[in-house]
């Protein structure tokens, strides 16, 4: 059973996942397992059942595209990359994030 603190972290992470995925793909194209590994390494605890619907939704919104590449082991891999629309969306998310952080800092530091 999750305690209140764990639930808060979980809800905040869910809200940031789309932003994180676009940020990862802005640096390089990647297949889903690599995206998942990078999210986990950053302590963004995500399971495949959460990642795949997000990737599909972002692709359907025109933010991502993908290509198939043969894998040295196992089946071909689907590599995702940002589209121009995805880069524009990421820029808007960057600006919104900066504004949110500044607002939170102003609230937390008010009166100091």
N, C-alpha and C. Protein backbone atom coordinates (compact mmCIF):
# COMPACT_ATOMS: atom_id res chain seq x y z
N UNK A 1 0.84 -1.19 0.00
CA UNK A 1 0.00 0.00 0.00
C UNK A 1 0.89 1.26 0.00
N UNK A 2 0.57 2.19 -0.92
CA UNK A 2 1.36 3.41 -1.02
C UNK A 2 1.02 4.36 0.13
N UNK A 3 2.05 5.01 0.64
CA UNK A 3 1.75 6.05 1.62
C UNK A 3 1.51 7.35 0.87
N UNK A 4 1.10 8.37 1.56
CA UNK A 4 0.72 9.64 0.94
C UNK A 4 1.87 10.23 0.12
N UNK A 5 3.06 10.18 0.66
CA UNK A 5 4.23 10.73 -0.03
C UNK A 5 4.50 10.00 -1.35
N UNK A 6 4.39 8.66 -1.33
CA UNK A 6 4.58 7.88 -2.55
C UNK A 6 3.52 8.22 -3.59
N UNK A 7 2.28 8.39 -3.15
CA UNK A 7 1.19 8.72 -4.06
C UNK A 7 1.42 10.09 -4.70
N UNK A 8 1.88 11.05 -3.93
CA UNK A 8 2.16 12.39 -4.46
C UNK A 8 3.24 12.31 -5.52
N UNK A 9 4.33 11.60 -5.22
CA UNK A 9 5.41 11.45 -6.20
C UNK A 9 4.90 10.78 -7.48
N UNK A 10 4.11 9.74 -7.31
CA UNK A 10 3.57 9.00 -8.45
C UNK A 10 2.72 9.91 -9.34
N UNK A 11 1.86 10.69 -8.75
CA UNK A 11 0.99 11.59 -9.52
C UNK A 11 1.81 12.67 -10.24
N UNK A 12 2.83 13.19 -9.58
CA UNK A 12 3.66 14.21 -10.20
C UNK A 12 4.45 13.62 -11.38
N UNK A 13 4.97 12.41 -11.21
CA UNK A 13 5.71 11.75 -12.29
C UNK A 13 4.82 11.52 -13.50
N UNK A 14 3.60 11.05 -13.26
CA UNK A 14 2.67 10.79 -14.37
C UNK A 14 2.45 12.06 -15.19
N UNK A 15 2.34 13.19 -14.51
CA UNK A 15 2.13 14.45 -15.20
C UNK A 15 3.33 14.90 -16.02
N UNK A 16 4.50 14.39 -15.70
CA UNK A 16 5.72 14.82 -16.38
C UNK A 16 6.21 13.83 -17.44
N UNK A 17 5.61 12.68 -17.54
CA UNK A 17 6.12 11.64 -18.44
C UNK A 17 6.19 12.08 -19.91
N UNK A 18 5.15 12.70 -20.39
CA UNK A 18 5.15 13.13 -21.79
C UNK A 18 6.32 14.09 -22.04
N UNK A 19 6.50 15.02 -21.14
CA UNK A 19 7.61 15.97 -21.23
C UNK A 19 8.95 15.24 -21.22
N UNK A 20 9.10 14.27 -20.35
CA UNK A 20 10.34 13.50 -20.26
C UNK A 20 10.62 12.72 -21.56
N UNK A 21 9.59 12.10 -22.10
CA UNK A 21 9.76 11.33 -23.34
C UNK A 21 10.22 12.24 -24.47
N UNK A 22 9.56 13.38 -24.63
CA UNK A 22 9.96 14.31 -25.68
C UNK A 22 11.39 14.82 -25.45
N UNK A 23 11.75 15.05 -24.20
CA UNK A 23 13.11 15.52 -23.88
C UNK A 23 14.16 14.47 -24.24
N UNK A 24 13.88 13.21 -23.95
CA UNK A 24 14.80 12.13 -24.30
C UNK A 24 14.97 12.05 -25.81
N UNK A 25 13.86 12.10 -26.53
CA UNK A 25 13.92 11.96 -27.99
C UNK A 25 14.45 13.21 -28.69
N UNK A 26 14.51 14.33 -28.00
CA UNK A 26 15.11 15.53 -28.57
C UNK A 26 16.62 15.36 -28.71
N UNK A 27 17.21 14.53 -27.84
CA UNK A 27 18.66 14.28 -27.87
C UNK A 27 19.05 13.25 -28.91
N UNK A 28 18.19 12.20 -29.04
CA UNK A 28 18.53 11.13 -29.98
C UNK A 28 17.31 10.25 -30.19
N UNK A 29 17.24 9.60 -31.33
CA UNK A 29 16.14 8.66 -31.51
C UNK A 29 16.41 7.44 -30.64
N UNK A 30 15.34 6.75 -30.25
CA UNK A 30 15.50 5.64 -29.32
C UNK A 30 14.33 4.66 -29.48
N UNK A 31 14.58 3.43 -29.13
CA UNK A 31 13.50 2.44 -29.11
C UNK A 31 12.91 2.41 -27.71
N UNK A 32 11.74 1.82 -27.57
CA UNK A 32 10.98 1.92 -26.33
C UNK A 32 11.74 1.41 -25.11
N UNK A 33 12.46 0.32 -25.23
CA UNK A 33 13.20 -0.21 -24.08
C UNK A 33 14.28 0.77 -23.61
N UNK A 34 14.93 1.46 -24.54
CA UNK A 34 15.95 2.44 -24.18
C UNK A 34 15.31 3.65 -23.49
N UNK A 35 14.14 4.06 -23.96
CA UNK A 35 13.42 5.16 -23.32
C UNK A 35 13.05 4.75 -21.89
N UNK A 36 12.52 3.57 -21.76
CA UNK A 36 12.13 3.04 -20.45
C UNK A 36 13.34 2.98 -19.51
N UNK A 37 14.47 2.48 -20.00
CA UNK A 37 15.68 2.40 -19.19
C UNK A 37 16.14 3.79 -18.72
N UNK A 38 16.07 4.76 -19.63
CA UNK A 38 16.51 6.11 -19.27
C UNK A 38 15.57 6.72 -18.22
N UNK A 39 14.27 6.49 -18.38
CA UNK A 39 13.32 6.99 -17.39
C UNK A 39 13.56 6.35 -16.03
N UNK A 40 13.80 5.05 -16.02
CA UNK A 40 14.06 4.34 -14.77
C UNK A 40 15.35 4.83 -14.13
N UNK A 41 16.39 5.07 -14.94
CA UNK A 41 17.67 5.55 -14.41
C UNK A 41 17.52 6.93 -13.77
N UNK A 42 16.53 7.69 -14.24
CA UNK A 42 16.28 9.02 -13.67
C UNK A 42 15.26 8.96 -12.53
N UNK A 43 14.98 7.75 -12.06
CA UNK A 43 14.01 7.53 -10.98
C UNK A 43 12.59 7.92 -11.35
N UNK A 44 12.30 7.93 -12.66
CA UNK A 44 10.93 8.10 -13.13
C UNK A 44 10.38 6.68 -13.30
N UNK A 45 9.85 6.14 -12.23
CA UNK A 45 9.43 4.76 -12.21
C UNK A 45 8.25 4.55 -13.16
N UNK A 46 8.52 3.86 -14.25
CA UNK A 46 7.54 3.68 -15.31
C UNK A 46 7.53 2.21 -15.69
N UNK A 47 6.36 1.71 -16.05
CA UNK A 47 6.25 0.35 -16.56
C UNK A 47 5.86 0.43 -18.03
N UNK A 48 6.12 -0.66 -18.76
CA UNK A 48 5.82 -0.68 -20.18
C UNK A 48 4.36 -0.34 -20.45
N UNK A 49 3.46 -0.80 -19.60
CA UNK A 49 2.04 -0.54 -19.79
C UNK A 49 1.67 0.93 -19.72
N UNK A 50 2.54 1.73 -19.14
CA UNK A 50 2.35 3.18 -19.09
C UNK A 50 3.02 3.85 -20.29
N UNK A 51 4.20 3.36 -20.66
CA UNK A 51 4.98 3.99 -21.73
C UNK A 51 4.32 3.84 -23.10
N UNK A 52 3.91 2.64 -23.44
CA UNK A 52 3.40 2.40 -24.80
C UNK A 52 2.19 3.25 -25.16
N UNK A 53 1.19 3.38 -24.29
CA UNK A 53 0.07 4.26 -24.65
C UNK A 53 0.50 5.72 -24.86
N UNK A 54 1.48 6.18 -24.07
CA UNK A 54 1.98 7.54 -24.26
C UNK A 54 2.66 7.69 -25.61
N UNK A 55 3.50 6.72 -25.99
CA UNK A 55 4.18 6.77 -27.29
C UNK A 55 3.16 6.77 -28.42
N UNK A 56 2.14 5.94 -28.31
CA UNK A 56 1.10 5.89 -29.35
C UNK A 56 0.36 7.21 -29.42
N UNK A 57 -0.01 7.76 -28.27
CA UNK A 57 -0.73 9.04 -28.26
C UNK A 57 0.13 10.15 -28.86
N UNK A 58 1.41 10.21 -28.49
CA UNK A 58 2.29 11.24 -29.03
C UNK A 58 2.48 11.07 -30.54
N UNK A 59 2.56 9.83 -31.00
CA UNK A 59 2.67 9.57 -32.44
C UNK A 59 1.39 10.01 -33.15
N UNK A 60 0.23 9.67 -32.59
CA UNK A 60 -1.05 10.05 -33.20
C UNK A 60 -1.25 11.56 -33.22
N UNK A 61 -0.63 12.26 -32.29
CA UNK A 61 -0.69 13.72 -32.25
C UNK A 61 0.31 14.37 -33.21
N UNK A 62 1.13 13.54 -33.85
CA UNK A 62 2.12 14.06 -34.79
C UNK A 62 3.39 14.55 -34.13
N UNK A 63 3.59 14.22 -32.86
CA UNK A 63 4.78 14.68 -32.13
C UNK A 63 5.98 13.77 -32.36
N UNK A 64 5.70 12.50 -32.68
CA UNK A 64 6.74 11.50 -32.91
C UNK A 64 6.50 10.80 -34.23
N UNK A 65 7.58 10.28 -34.76
CA UNK A 65 7.48 9.32 -35.87
C UNK A 65 8.39 8.16 -35.48
N UNK A 66 8.35 7.12 -36.27
CA UNK A 66 9.21 5.98 -35.97
C UNK A 66 9.65 5.29 -37.24
N UNK A 67 10.68 4.49 -37.10
CA UNK A 67 11.18 3.65 -38.19
C UNK A 67 11.56 2.31 -37.59
N UNK A 68 11.50 1.28 -38.41
CA UNK A 68 11.89 -0.06 -37.96
C UNK A 68 13.34 -0.29 -38.31
N UNK A 69 14.08 -0.94 -37.41
CA UNK A 69 15.47 -1.30 -37.68
C UNK A 69 15.70 -2.73 -37.20
N UNK A 70 16.39 -3.50 -38.02
CA UNK A 70 16.72 -4.87 -37.64
C UNK A 70 17.58 -4.84 -36.39
N UNK A 71 17.36 -5.80 -35.51
CA UNK A 71 18.11 -5.89 -34.27
C UNK A 71 19.13 -7.01 -34.38
N UNK A 72 20.34 -6.83 -33.83
CA UNK A 72 21.32 -7.91 -33.86
C UNK A 72 20.84 -9.15 -33.09
N UNK A 73 19.96 -8.94 -32.15
CA UNK A 73 19.37 -10.06 -31.43
C UNK A 73 17.87 -9.80 -31.29
N UNK A 74 17.08 -10.76 -31.65
CA UNK A 74 15.64 -10.64 -31.50
C UNK A 74 14.97 -9.95 -32.68
N UNK A 75 13.72 -9.57 -32.47
CA UNK A 75 12.92 -8.98 -33.56
C UNK A 75 13.37 -7.55 -33.89
N UNK A 76 12.90 -7.01 -35.01
CA UNK A 76 13.24 -5.62 -35.35
C UNK A 76 12.75 -4.67 -34.26
N UNK A 77 13.41 -3.52 -34.15
CA UNK A 77 13.07 -2.52 -33.13
C UNK A 77 12.44 -1.31 -33.79
N UNK A 78 11.48 -0.73 -33.10
CA UNK A 78 10.83 0.50 -33.55
C UNK A 78 11.56 1.67 -32.88
N UNK A 79 12.26 2.48 -33.69
CA UNK A 79 12.97 3.64 -33.17
C UNK A 79 12.11 4.88 -33.34
N UNK A 80 11.91 5.59 -32.23
CA UNK A 80 11.10 6.80 -32.22
C UNK A 80 11.99 8.03 -32.34
N UNK A 81 11.46 9.06 -33.00
CA UNK A 81 12.16 10.34 -33.08
C UNK A 81 11.13 11.47 -33.07
N UNK A 82 11.57 12.66 -32.70
CA UNK A 82 10.69 13.82 -32.68
C UNK A 82 10.44 14.32 -34.09
N UNK A 83 9.23 14.78 -34.33
CA UNK A 83 8.91 15.49 -35.57
C UNK A 83 9.13 16.98 -35.30
N UNK A 84 8.99 17.80 -36.32
CA UNK A 84 9.08 19.25 -36.11
C UNK A 84 7.99 19.71 -35.15
N UNK A 85 6.80 19.12 -35.29
CA UNK A 85 5.70 19.45 -34.37
C UNK A 85 6.08 19.05 -32.94
N UNK A 86 6.76 17.93 -32.79
CA UNK A 86 7.21 17.49 -31.47
C UNK A 86 8.23 18.44 -30.88
N UNK A 87 9.14 18.93 -31.72
CA UNK A 87 10.14 19.90 -31.23
C UNK A 87 9.46 21.20 -30.78
N UNK A 88 8.46 21.63 -31.55
CA UNK A 88 7.72 22.83 -31.17
C UNK A 88 6.98 22.62 -29.85
N UNK A 89 6.36 21.45 -29.70
CA UNK A 89 5.65 21.11 -28.46
C UNK A 89 6.63 21.10 -27.28
N UNK A 90 7.81 20.52 -27.48
CA UNK A 90 8.81 20.48 -26.42
C UNK A 90 9.23 21.90 -26.04
N UNK A 91 9.38 22.77 -27.01
CA UNK A 91 9.72 24.17 -26.72
C UNK A 91 8.65 24.84 -25.86
N UNK A 92 7.38 24.55 -26.17
CA UNK A 92 6.29 25.10 -25.38
C UNK A 92 6.30 24.50 -23.97
N UNK A 93 6.60 23.22 -23.87
CA UNK A 93 6.68 22.58 -22.55
C UNK A 93 7.84 23.15 -21.74
N UNK A 94 8.98 23.40 -22.39
CA UNK A 94 10.12 24.01 -21.70
C UNK A 94 9.73 25.36 -21.12
N UNK A 95 9.04 26.18 -21.92
CA UNK A 95 8.63 27.51 -21.47
C UNK A 95 7.63 27.39 -20.31
N UNK A 96 6.67 26.47 -20.43
CA UNK A 96 5.68 26.27 -19.37
C UNK A 96 6.35 25.79 -18.09
N UNK A 97 7.30 24.86 -18.23
CA UNK A 97 8.00 24.33 -17.06
C UNK A 97 8.76 25.46 -16.34
N UNK A 98 9.45 26.29 -17.11
CA UNK A 98 10.21 27.40 -16.53
C UNK A 98 9.25 28.33 -15.77
N UNK A 99 8.11 28.61 -16.36
CA UNK A 99 7.12 29.48 -15.72
C UNK A 99 6.59 28.85 -14.42
N UNK A 100 6.32 27.54 -14.45
CA UNK A 100 5.82 26.84 -13.25
C UNK A 100 6.86 26.88 -12.14
N UNK A 101 8.11 26.60 -12.49
CA UNK A 101 9.18 26.61 -11.48
C UNK A 101 9.35 28.00 -10.88
N UNK A 102 9.31 29.03 -11.73
CA UNK A 102 9.43 30.40 -11.23
C UNK A 102 8.26 30.76 -10.31
N UNK A 103 7.05 30.33 -10.70
CA UNK A 103 5.87 30.60 -9.87
C UNK A 103 5.99 29.90 -8.52
N UNK A 104 6.40 28.65 -8.55
CA UNK A 104 6.56 27.90 -7.31
C UNK A 104 7.62 28.53 -6.42
N UNK A 105 8.74 28.94 -7.04
CA UNK A 105 9.79 29.62 -6.27
C UNK A 105 9.24 30.91 -5.63
N UNK A 106 8.45 31.66 -6.39
CA UNK A 106 7.89 32.90 -5.85
C UNK A 106 6.97 32.61 -4.67
N UNK A 107 6.16 31.56 -4.77
CA UNK A 107 5.23 31.22 -3.69
C UNK A 107 6.01 30.75 -2.47
N UNK A 108 6.97 29.86 -2.70
CA UNK A 108 7.73 29.30 -1.57
C UNK A 108 8.61 30.35 -0.89
N UNK A 109 9.11 31.32 -1.63
CA UNK A 109 10.05 32.29 -1.08
C UNK A 109 9.40 33.61 -0.68
N UNK A 110 8.08 33.72 -0.83
CA UNK A 110 7.39 34.95 -0.50
C UNK A 110 7.60 35.29 0.98
N UNK A 111 7.94 36.52 1.22
CA UNK A 111 8.12 36.96 2.60
C UNK A 111 9.54 36.76 3.11
N UNK A 112 10.42 36.25 2.26
CA UNK A 112 11.81 36.06 2.71
C UNK A 112 12.61 37.28 2.34
